[in-house]
Amino acid sequence: MSINIKNVNKFYGKQQALTDVSFSLNKGEIVGFLGPNGAGKSTLMKIITCYLEQDSGKVQVCDLDTLEQNLKVKAKIGYLPEHNPLYTDMYIKEYLTFVGRIYKVQNLNNRISEIIQQTGLTDEQSKKIEGLSKGFKQRVGLAAALIHNPEILILDEPTTGLDPNQLVEIRNLIKEVGGNKTVLLSTHIMQEVDKMCNRVIIINKGKIVDDQLISNYQKNNIDLEEHFSKLTS
């Protein structure tokens, strides 16, 4: 089991952001994590990636406890936050070298060449990040998240702000790299969930309100967007 979340609660002052959240993810799953703004998606992702601590409950990543073994957990995860935190004054290869050294990646130059090719950055690799389009900046963020070959990918709104062509490119890239990993991604674009994910978890007001395979929606002719609206209205 790649991720195991059990009875997680999180408060910001007196406001409860997460209430008894529980679910598990297995290797090879690409899971869409859906919810309206303020539902708790980013909070839970930050807890899984050890950027925040839960107030109660247990989170395990690859059988490692996020509170007790956070450095080992971080080594297992590739994380792309909603606001892609790039050093835009760096060149692409310079930035990936910087990130790879943090993770102590072996044979780093070879790994950078591999990840640049995998993420479709070959023609852009000599450019400064500040000169890239939104789509290519997202690719750089994904490359940085993948540089250490993590077992788990956490992607927070990875397709926000992309044009239709960029959406297709990033979607295909996520599907490709997610084949042998566990991927948890949040998005507001329902059509992308149908095309990328094999499972959907819906959260509303800090509580999990649905958890189903995409095939169940298709088999029962359930429109995901309508279903989501009913559960979160």
C-alpha atoms as a PDB file:
ATOM      1  CA  MET A   1       0.000   0.000   0.000  1.00  0.00           C
ATOM      2  CA  SER A   2       1.535   3.316  -1.103  1.00  0.00           C
ATOM      3  CA  ILE A   3      -0.518   5.763   0.998  1.00  0.00           C
ATOM      4  CA  ASN A   4      -2.643   4.951   4.019  1.00  0.00           C
ATOM      5  CA  ILE A   5      -4.630   7.748   5.693  1.00  0.00           C
ATOM      6  CA  LYS A   6      -6.657   6.984   8.799  1.00  0.00           C
ATOM      7  CA  ASN A   7      -8.954   9.333  10.749  1.00  0.00           C
ATOM      8  CA  VAL A   8      -6.994  12.486   9.962  1.00  0.00           C
ATOM      9  CA  ASN A   9      -8.179  15.749  11.496  1.00  0.00           C
ATOM     10  CA  LYS A  10      -6.723  19.215  10.983  1.00  0.00           C
ATOM     11  CA  PHE A  11      -7.669  22.544  12.578  1.00  0.00           C
ATOM     12  CA  TYR A  12      -6.700  26.105  11.721  1.00  0.00           C
ATOM     13  CA  GLY A  13      -7.468  27.768  15.020  1.00  0.00           C
ATOM     14  CA  LYS A  14     -11.098  26.878  15.757  1.00  0.00           C
ATOM     15  CA  GLN A  15     -11.909  26.057  12.132  1.00  0.00           C
ATOM     16  CA  GLN A  16     -11.766  22.357  11.268  1.00  0.00           C
ATOM     17  CA  ALA A  17     -10.255  21.869   7.809  1.00  0.00           C
ATOM     18  CA  LEU A  18     -10.275  18.029   7.767  1.00  0.00           C
ATOM     19  CA  THR A  19     -12.644  15.709   9.631  1.00  0.00           C
ATOM     20  CA  ASP A  20     -11.832  11.995  10.097  1.00  0.00           C
ATOM     21  CA  VAL A  21     -10.395  11.616   6.578  1.00  0.00           C
ATOM     22  CA  SER A  22      -9.522   8.029   5.687  1.00  0.00           C
ATOM     23  CA  PHE A  23      -8.523   6.286   2.458  1.00  0.00           C
ATOM     24  CA  SER A  24      -5.741   4.168   0.963  1.00  0.00           C
ATOM     25  CA  LEU A  25      -3.982   4.278  -2.398  1.00  0.00           C
ATOM     26  CA  ASN A  26      -2.162   1.422  -4.108  1.00  0.00           C
ATOM     27  CA  LYS A  27       0.759   1.429  -6.511  1.00  0.00           C
ATOM     28  CA  GLY A  28      -0.260   2.092 -10.105  1.00  0.00           C
ATOM     29  CA  GLU A  29      -3.381   4.081  -9.248  1.00  0.00           C
ATOM     30  CA  ILE A  30      -3.928   7.536 -10.733  1.00  0.00           C
ATOM     31  CA  VAL A  31      -6.486   9.101  -8.420  1.00  0.00           C
ATOM     32  CA  GLY A  32      -8.368  12.337  -8.996  1.00  0.00           C
ATOM     33  CA  PHE A  33      -8.878  14.280  -5.753  1.00  0.00           C
ATOM     34  CA  LEU A  34     -11.841  16.581  -6.279  1.00  0.00           C
ATOM     35  CA  GLY A  35     -13.506  19.240  -4.179  1.00  0.00           C
ATOM     36  CA  PRO A  36     -14.618  22.868  -4.277  1.00  0.00           C
ATOM     37  CA  ASN A  37     -12.320  25.669  -3.135  1.00  0.00           C
ATOM     38  CA  GLY A  38     -11.652  25.411   0.581  1.00  0.00           C
ATOM     39  CA  ALA A  39     -12.716  21.762   0.790  1.00  0.00           C
ATOM     40  CA  GLY A  40      -9.389  20.613   2.249  1.00  0.00           C
ATOM     41  CA  LYS A  41      -7.602  19.204  -0.819  1.00  0.00           C
ATOM     42  CA  SER A  42      -4.405  21.223  -0.536  1.00  0.00           C
ATOM     43  CA  THR A  43      -4.329  20.807   3.244  1.00  0.00           C
ATOM     44  CA  LEU A  44      -4.389  17.022   2.956  1.00  0.00           C
ATOM     45  CA  MET A  45      -1.783  17.027   0.197  1.00  0.00           C
ATOM     46  CA  LYS A  46       0.505  19.157   2.367  1.00  0.00           C
ATOM     47  CA  ILE A  47       0.025  16.699   5.237  1.00  0.00           C
ATOM     48  CA  ILE A  48       0.894  13.719   3.016  1.00  0.00           C
ATOM     49  CA  THR A  49       4.030  15.507   1.792  1.00  0.00           C
ATOM     50  CA  CYS A  50       5.046  16.551   5.345  1.00  0.00           C
ATOM     51  CA  TYR A  51       4.651  20.295   4.765  1.00  0.00           C
ATOM     52  CA  LEU A  52       1.935  20.308   7.452  1.00  0.00           C
ATOM     53  CA  GLU A  53       1.226  18.068  10.434  1.00  0.00           C
ATOM     54  CA  GLN A  54      -2.211  16.706  11.216  1.00  0.00           C
ATOM     55  CA  ASP A  55      -3.706  17.350  14.657  1.00  0.00           C
ATOM     56  CA  SER A  56      -4.815  13.734  14.999  1.00  0.00           C
ATOM     57  CA  GLY A  57      -4.962  10.557  12.940  1.00  0.00           C
ATOM     58  CA  LYS A  58      -2.261   8.667  11.080  1.00  0.00           C
ATOM     59  CA  VAL A  59      -0.678   9.055   7.635  1.00  0.00           C
ATOM     60  CA  GLN A  60       1.697   6.444   6.235  1.00  0.00           C
ATOM     61  CA  VAL A  61       3.584   6.670   2.952  1.00  0.00           C
ATOM     62  CA  CYS A  62       5.231   3.426   1.826  1.00  0.00           C
ATOM     63  CA  ASP A  63       4.766   2.166   5.413  1.00  0.00           C
ATOM     64  CA  LEU A  64       6.590   5.224   6.792  1.00  0.00           C
ATOM     65  CA  ASP A  65       4.919   7.509   9.342  1.00  0.00           C
ATOM     66  CA  THR A  66       4.777  11.135   8.169  1.00  0.00           C
ATOM     67  CA  LEU A  67       5.253  12.510  11.682  1.00  0.00           C
ATOM     68  CA  GLU A  68       8.068  10.237  12.824  1.00  0.00           C
ATOM     69  CA  GLN A  69       9.923   9.616   9.527  1.00  0.00           C
ATOM     70  CA  ASN A  70       9.269  12.772   7.524  1.00  0.00           C
ATOM     71  CA  LEU A  71      12.644  12.954   5.749  1.00  0.00           C
ATOM     72  CA  LYS A  72      12.302   9.369   4.523  1.00  0.00           C
ATOM     73  CA  VAL A  73       8.730  10.117   3.423  1.00  0.00           C
ATOM     74  CA  LYS A  74       9.833  13.175   1.434  1.00  0.00           C
ATOM     75  CA  ALA A  75      12.371  11.027  -0.408  1.00  0.00           C
ATOM     76  CA  LYS A  76       9.527   8.778  -1.597  1.00  0.00           C
ATOM     77  CA  ILE A  77       7.369  11.630  -2.940  1.00  0.00           C
ATOM     78  CA  GLY A  78       7.465  13.938  -5.933  1.00  0.00           C
ATOM     79  CA  TYR A  79       5.360  17.023  -5.190  1.00  0.00           C
ATOM     80  CA  LEU A  80       4.093  19.692  -7.574  1.00  0.00           C
ATOM     81  CA  PRO A  81       2.218  22.355  -5.546  1.00  0.00           C
ATOM     82  CA  GLU A  82      -0.579  24.442  -7.027  1.00  0.00           C
ATOM     83  CA  HIS A  83       1.721  27.461  -7.330  1.00  0.00           C
ATOM     84  CA  ASN A  84       4.714  25.936  -9.078  1.00  0.00           C
ATOM     85  CA  PRO A  85       7.703  27.224  -7.014  1.00  0.00           C
ATOM     86  CA  LEU A  86      10.351  27.626  -9.714  1.00  0.00           C
ATOM     87  CA  TYR A  87      13.510  29.730  -9.589  1.00  0.00           C
ATOM     88  CA  THR A  88      12.747  31.558 -12.800  1.00  0.00           C
ATOM     89  CA  ASP A  89      16.158  33.217 -13.106  1.00  0.00           C
ATOM     90  CA  MET A  90      17.757  29.782 -13.517  1.00  0.00           C
ATOM     91  CA  TYR A  91      18.189  27.820 -16.724  1.00  0.00           C
ATOM     92  CA  ILE A  92      16.248  24.533 -16.928  1.00  0.00           C
ATOM     93  CA  LYS A  93      19.276  22.251 -16.580  1.00  0.00           C
ATOM     94  CA  GLU A  94      20.707  24.479 -13.841  1.00  0.00           C
ATOM     95  CA  TYR A  95      17.463  24.236 -11.866  1.00  0.00           C
ATOM     96  CA  LEU A  96      17.161  20.459 -12.284  1.00  0.00           C
ATOM     97  CA  THR A  97      20.786  20.100 -11.175  1.00  0.00           C
ATOM     98  CA  PHE A  98      19.993  22.135  -8.067  1.00  0.00           C
ATOM     99  CA  VAL A  99      16.951  19.967  -7.223  1.00  0.00           C
ATOM    100  CA  GLY A 100      18.777  16.728  -8.022  1.00  0.00           C
ATOM    101  CA  ARG A 101      21.611  17.618  -5.661  1.00  0.00           C
ATOM    102  CA  ILE A 102      19.125  18.211  -2.848  1.00  0.00           C
ATOM    103  CA  TYR A 103      17.862  14.662  -3.366  1.00  0.00           C
ATOM    104  CA  LYS A 104      21.451  13.349  -3.768  1.00  0.00           C
ATOM    105  CA  VAL A 105      20.553  11.754  -7.108  1.00  0.00           C
ATOM    106  CA  GLN A 106      23.246   9.402  -8.394  1.00  0.00           C
ATOM    107  CA  ASN A 107      24.595   9.890 -11.936  1.00  0.00           C
ATOM    108  CA  LEU A 108      22.805  13.231 -11.950  1.00  0.00           C
ATOM    109  CA  ASN A 109      23.794  14.395 -15.429  1.00  0.00           C
ATOM    110  CA  ASN A 110      22.445  11.206 -16.979  1.00  0.00           C
ATOM    111  CA  ARG A 111      19.262  11.460 -14.928  1.00  0.00           C
ATOM    112  CA  ILE A 112      18.716  15.067 -16.016  1.00  0.00           C
ATOM    113  CA  SER A 113      19.083  14.054 -19.659  1.00  0.00           C
ATOM    114  CA  GLU A 114      16.549  11.257 -19.162  1.00  0.00           C
ATOM    115  CA  ILE A 115      13.997  13.433 -17.390  1.00  0.00           C
ATOM    116  CA  ILE A 116      14.338  16.284 -19.900  1.00  0.00           C
ATOM    117  CA  GLN A 117      13.557  13.854 -22.706  1.00  0.00           C
ATOM    118  CA  GLN A 118      10.706  12.226 -20.768  1.00  0.00           C
ATOM    119  CA  THR A 119       9.023  15.543 -19.996  1.00  0.00           C
ATOM    120  CA  GLY A 120       9.409  16.927 -23.511  1.00  0.00           C
ATOM    121  CA  LEU A 121      11.868  19.684 -22.601  1.00  0.00           C
ATOM    122  CA  THR A 122      14.617  18.764 -25.064  1.00  0.00           C
ATOM    123  CA  ASP A 123      14.116  21.764 -27.346  1.00  0.00           C
ATOM    124  CA  GLU A 124      13.831  24.156 -24.378  1.00  0.00           C
ATOM    125  CA  GLN A 125      16.621  22.827 -22.152  1.00  0.00           C
ATOM    126  CA  SER A 126      19.015  25.720 -22.779  1.00  0.00           C
ATOM    127  CA  LYS A 127      16.436  28.393 -21.938  1.00  0.00           C
ATOM    128  CA  LYS A 128      15.879  30.341 -18.757  1.00  0.00           C
ATOM    129  CA  ILE A 129      12.711  29.309 -16.931  1.00  0.00           C
ATOM    130  CA  GLU A 130      11.382  32.880 -16.974  1.00  0.00           C
ATOM    131  CA  GLY A 131      11.179  32.738 -20.779  1.00  0.00           C
ATOM    132  CA  LEU A 132       9.014  29.607 -20.883  1.00  0.00           C
ATOM    133  CA  SER A 133       5.280  29.355 -21.521  1.00  0.00           C
ATOM    134  CA  LYS A 134       2.957  28.239 -18.721  1.00  0.00           C
ATOM    135  CA  GLY A 135       2.843  24.730 -20.188  1.00  0.00           C
ATOM    136  CA  PHE A 136       6.623  24.363 -20.284  1.00  0.00           C
ATOM    137  CA  LYS A 137       6.935  25.755 -16.759  1.00  0.00           C
ATOM    138  CA  GLN A 138       4.567  22.997 -15.644  1.00  0.00           C
ATOM    139  CA  ARG A 139       6.792  20.493 -17.422  1.00  0.00           C
ATOM    140  CA  VAL A 140       9.806  21.840 -15.517  1.00  0.00           C
ATOM    141  CA  GLY A 141       7.841  21.456 -12.269  1.00  0.00           C
ATOM    142  CA  LEU A 142       7.008  17.856 -13.181  1.00  0.00           C
ATOM    143  CA  ALA A 143      10.623  17.194 -14.132  1.00  0.00           C
ATOM    144  CA  ALA A 144      11.728  18.482 -10.714  1.00  0.00           C
ATOM    145  CA  ALA A 145       9.106  16.313  -9.003  1.00  0.00           C
ATOM    146  CA  LEU A 146      10.332  13.265 -10.928  1.00  0.00           C
ATOM    147  CA  ILE A 147      14.100  13.853 -10.812  1.00  0.00           C
ATOM    148  CA  HIS A 148      14.657  11.441  -7.897  1.00  0.00           C
ATOM    149  CA  ASN A 149      12.356   8.771  -9.397  1.00  0.00           C
ATOM    150  CA  PRO A 150       9.822   8.849  -6.536  1.00  0.00           C
ATOM    151  CA  GLU A 151       7.322   6.091  -5.878  1.00  0.00           C
ATOM    152  CA  ILE A 152       4.500   8.595  -5.361  1.00  0.00           C
ATOM    153  CA  LEU A 153       3.476  11.763  -7.207  1.00  0.00           C
ATOM    154  CA  ILE A 154       1.337  14.423  -5.518  1.00  0.00           C
ATOM    155  CA  LEU A 155       0.096  16.993  -8.043  1.00  0.00           C
ATOM    156  CA  ASP A 156      -1.985  19.961  -6.896  1.00  0.00           C
ATOM    157  CA  GLU A 157      -3.899  21.513  -9.829  1.00  0.00           C
ATOM    158  CA  PRO A 158      -1.225  20.532 -12.401  1.00  0.00           C
ATOM    159  CA  THR A 159      -3.297  21.712 -15.405  1.00  0.00           C
ATOM    160  CA  THR A 160      -4.462  25.112 -14.096  1.00  0.00           C
ATOM    161  CA  GLY A 161      -4.036  27.912 -16.624  1.00  0.00           C
ATOM    162  CA  LEU A 162      -3.045  25.708 -19.550  1.00  0.00           C
ATOM    163  CA  ASP A 163      -4.463  26.111 -23.032  1.00  0.00           C
ATOM    164  CA  PRO A 164      -6.194  23.099 -24.732  1.00  0.00           C
ATOM    165  CA  ASN A 165      -3.023  21.880 -26.456  1.00  0.00           C
ATOM    166  CA  GLN A 166      -0.998  22.160 -23.258  1.00  0.00           C
ATOM    167  CA  LEU A 167      -3.739  20.298 -21.368  1.00  0.00           C
ATOM    168  CA  VAL A 168      -3.442  17.327 -23.707  1.00  0.00           C
ATOM    169  CA  GLU A 169       0.358  17.318 -23.462  1.00  0.00           C
ATOM    170  CA  ILE A 170       0.465  17.470 -19.654  1.00  0.00           C
ATOM    171  CA  ARG A 171      -2.345  14.909 -19.349  1.00  0.00           C
ATOM    172  CA  ASN A 172      -0.470  12.434 -21.548  1.00  0.00           C
ATOM    173  CA  LEU A 173       2.725  13.063 -19.626  1.00  0.00           C
ATOM    174  CA  ILE A 174       1.049  12.364 -16.274  1.00  0.00           C
ATOM    175  CA  LYS A 175      -0.494   9.151 -17.630  1.00  0.00           C
ATOM    176  CA  GLU A 176       2.877   8.057 -18.998  1.00  0.00           C
ATOM    177  CA  VAL A 177       4.904   8.669 -15.856  1.00  0.00           C
ATOM    178  CA  GLY A 178       2.109   7.397 -13.619  1.00  0.00           C
ATOM    179  CA  GLY A 179       2.159   3.910 -15.071  1.00  0.00           C
ATOM    180  CA  ASN A 180       4.453   2.492 -12.389  1.00  0.00           C
ATOM    181  CA  LYS A 181       3.812   5.017  -9.613  1.00  0.00           C
ATOM    182  CA  THR A 182       0.980   6.125  -7.359  1.00  0.00           C
ATOM    183  CA  VAL A 183      -0.450   9.480  -8.453  1.00  0.00           C
ATOM    184  CA  LEU A 184      -2.801  11.698  -6.433  1.00  0.00           C
ATOM    185  CA  LEU A 185      -3.847  14.821  -8.300  1.00  0.00           C
ATOM    186  CA  SER A 186      -6.334  17.562  -7.592  1.00  0.00           C
ATOM    187  CA  THR A 187      -8.116  19.384 -10.382  1.00  0.00           C
ATOM    188  CA  HIS A 188     -11.234  21.402 -11.132  1.00  0.00           C
ATOM    189  CA  ILE A 189     -11.425  20.075 -14.697  1.00  0.00           C
ATOM    190  CA  MET A 190     -13.799  17.089 -14.669  1.00  0.00           C
ATOM    191  CA  GLN A 191     -12.998  16.069 -18.235  1.00  0.00           C
ATOM    192  CA  GLU A 192      -9.361  15.644 -17.260  1.00  0.00           C
ATOM    193  CA  VAL A 193     -10.293  13.226 -14.485  1.00  0.00           C
ATOM    194  CA  ASP A 194     -12.137  10.996 -16.961  1.00  0.00           C
ATOM    195  CA  LYS A 195      -9.120  10.951 -19.252  1.00  0.00           C
ATOM    196  CA  MET A 196      -6.300  10.648 -16.691  1.00  0.00           C
ATOM    197  CA  CYS A 197      -7.613   8.842 -13.622  1.00  0.00           C
ATOM    198  CA  ASN A 198      -8.863   5.377 -12.758  1.00  0.00           C
ATOM    199  CA  ARG A 199     -10.382   6.435  -9.428  1.00  0.00           C
ATOM    200  CA  VAL A 200     -12.040   9.517  -7.948  1.00  0.00           C
ATOM    201  CA  ILE A 201     -12.125  10.729  -4.336  1.00  0.00           C
ATOM    202  CA  ILE A 202     -14.417  13.692  -3.621  1.00  0.00           C
ATOM    203  CA  ILE A 203     -13.974  15.866  -0.530  1.00  0.00           C
ATOM    204  CA  ASN A 204     -16.380  18.545   0.682  1.00  0.00           C
ATOM    205  CA  LYS A 205     -16.078  20.718   3.789  1.00  0.00           C
ATOM    206  CA  GLY A 206     -13.187  18.588   5.019  1.00  0.00           C
ATOM    207  CA  LYS A 207     -14.988  15.233   4.713  1.00  0.00           C
ATOM    208  CA  ILE A 208     -14.696  12.467   2.115  1.00  0.00           C
ATOM    209  CA  VAL A 209     -18.116  12.215   0.459  1.00  0.00           C
ATOM    210  CA  ASP A 210     -17.351   9.746  -2.348  1.00  0.00           C
ATOM    211  CA  ASP A 211     -14.632   7.287  -3.390  1.00  0.00           C
ATOM    212  CA  GLN A 212     -15.211   5.275  -6.554  1.00  0.00           C
ATOM    213  CA  LEU A 213     -13.499   3.797  -9.588  1.00  0.00           C
ATOM    214  CA  ILE A 214     -14.025   5.721 -12.809  1.00  0.00           C
ATOM    215  CA  SER A 215     -15.339   2.489 -14.326  1.00  0.00           C
ATOM    216  CA  ASN A 216     -18.242   2.560 -11.846  1.00  0.00           C
ATOM    217  CA  TYR A 217     -19.322   5.957 -13.154  1.00  0.00           C
ATOM    218  CA  GLN A 218     -19.090   4.725 -16.723  1.00  0.00           C
ATOM    219  CA  LYS A 219     -20.866   1.437 -16.014  1.00  0.00           C
ATOM    220  CA  ASN A 220     -23.761   3.184 -14.261  1.00  0.00           C
ATOM    221  CA  ASN A 221     -23.937   6.087 -16.734  1.00  0.00           C
ATOM    222  CA  ILE A 222     -23.232   8.612 -13.980  1.00  0.00           C
ATOM    223  CA  ASP A 223     -22.162  12.047 -15.160  1.00  0.00           C
ATOM    224  CA  LEU A 224     -19.192  12.945 -12.954  1.00  0.00           C
ATOM    225  CA  GLU A 225     -19.782  16.694 -13.133  1.00  0.00           C
ATOM    226  CA  GLU A 226     -23.449  16.383 -12.123  1.00  0.00           C
ATOM    227  CA  HIS A 227     -22.562  13.903  -9.388  1.00  0.00           C
ATOM    228  CA  PHE A 228     -19.885  16.244  -8.062  1.00  0.00           C
ATOM    229  CA  SER A 229     -22.328  19.182  -8.025  1.00  0.00           C
ATOM    230  CA  LYS A 230     -24.899  17.206  -6.031  1.00  0.00           C
ATOM    231  CA  LEU A 231     -22.341  16.103  -3.444  1.00  0.00           C
ATOM    232  CA  THR A 232     -20.778  19.524  -2.962  1.00  0.00           C
ATOM    233  CA  SER A 233     -23.736  21.903  -3.271  1.00  0.00           C
END
